[in-house]
Protein backbone atom coordinates (compact mmCIF):
# COMPACT_ATOMS: atom_id res chain seq x y z
CA MET A 1 130.43 -154.12 -26.61
CA GLY A 2 132.28 -156.18 -29.13
CA ARG A 3 133.34 -159.74 -28.69
CA CYS A 4 136.97 -160.69 -28.17
CA ARG A 5 138.21 -163.37 -30.46
CA ALA A 6 141.13 -165.59 -29.61
CA VAL A 7 143.93 -165.55 -32.09
CA TRP A 8 145.71 -168.83 -32.50
CA LEU A 9 149.24 -169.03 -33.77
CA TYR A 10 150.21 -172.29 -35.34
CA VAL A 11 153.89 -173.15 -35.14
CA THR A 12 155.02 -176.02 -37.25
CA ALA A 13 157.88 -178.34 -36.37
CA GLU A 14 159.95 -176.65 -39.09
CA ASP A 15 159.34 -173.23 -37.49
CA ALA A 16 160.42 -174.61 -34.09
CA VAL A 17 163.63 -175.97 -35.57
CA ARG A 18 164.30 -172.66 -37.31
CA MET A 19 163.79 -170.72 -34.05
CA LYS A 20 166.01 -173.17 -32.13
CA ASP A 21 168.79 -172.76 -34.71
CA PHE A 22 168.42 -168.98 -34.61
CA PHE A 23 168.79 -168.80 -30.81
CA ALA A 24 171.61 -171.34 -30.82
CA GLY A 25 173.43 -169.17 -33.36
CA LEU A 26 173.02 -166.12 -31.12
CA LEU A 27 174.67 -168.02 -28.26
CA ARG A 28 177.60 -169.06 -30.48
CA ASP A 29 178.10 -165.60 -31.99
CA GLU A 30 181.30 -164.00 -30.68
CA ALA A 31 181.47 -160.95 -32.93
CA GLY A 32 180.55 -158.49 -30.18
CA VAL A 33 182.94 -160.02 -27.66
CA THR A 34 186.00 -158.63 -29.43
CA ALA A 35 184.60 -155.10 -29.44
CA ILE A 36 183.87 -155.33 -25.73
CA GLU A 37 187.40 -156.57 -25.03
CA TYR A 38 188.90 -153.66 -26.99
CA GLY A 39 186.67 -151.27 -25.06
CA LEU A 40 187.82 -152.67 -21.73
CA ILE A 41 191.49 -152.51 -22.78
CA GLY A 42 191.03 -148.88 -23.89
CA ALA A 43 189.37 -147.98 -20.58
CA LEU A 44 192.21 -149.61 -18.64
CA ILE A 45 194.83 -147.72 -20.63
CA SER A 46 192.95 -144.47 -20.00
CA VAL A 47 192.85 -145.09 -16.25
CA VAL A 48 196.58 -145.85 -16.16
CA CYS A 49 197.40 -142.71 -18.19
CA ILE A 50 195.27 -140.48 -15.97
CA ALA A 51 196.84 -141.93 -12.81
CA GLY A 52 200.35 -141.54 -14.23
CA MET A 53 199.79 -137.96 -15.37
CA THR A 54 198.33 -137.05 -11.98
CA LEU A 55 201.38 -138.41 -10.13
CA VAL A 56 203.89 -136.87 -12.56
CA GLY A 57 201.92 -133.61 -12.72
CA ALA A 58 202.41 -132.93 -9.02
CA GLN A 59 206.19 -133.43 -9.31
CA LEU A 60 206.34 -131.41 -12.53
CA GLN A 61 204.55 -128.52 -10.83
CA GLY A 62 207.34 -128.47 -8.22
CA VAL A 63 209.98 -128.35 -10.96
CA TYR A 64 208.26 -125.43 -12.69
CA ALA A 65 207.97 -123.58 -9.36
CA ALA A 66 211.72 -124.04 -8.75
CA VAL A 67 212.60 -122.86 -12.26
CA SER A 68 210.29 -119.87 -11.88
CA ALA A 69 211.88 -118.98 -8.54
CA ALA A 70 215.36 -119.18 -10.10
CA ILE A 71 214.46 -117.07 -13.14
CA THR A 72 212.49 -114.35 -11.33
CA PRO A 73 215.54 -112.58 -9.79
CA ALA A 74 217.26 -112.54 -13.20
CA LEU A 75 214.41 -110.60 -14.72
């Protein structure tokens, strides 16, 4: 069997500062927040539209039934 060798990674102080700045930048980045807000607003509008159409649809079906009943004898 072969021998396992340990691999050492040397991180300099400059590398540590660079990584810290990178992760700090990720925490400050708000570019994706706007897209998420627009997605939530779109979902809310969709839910309201579906609920409204469902409520109006039931009443509209009654109107069409009344119109159909009034027109049928004339045919």
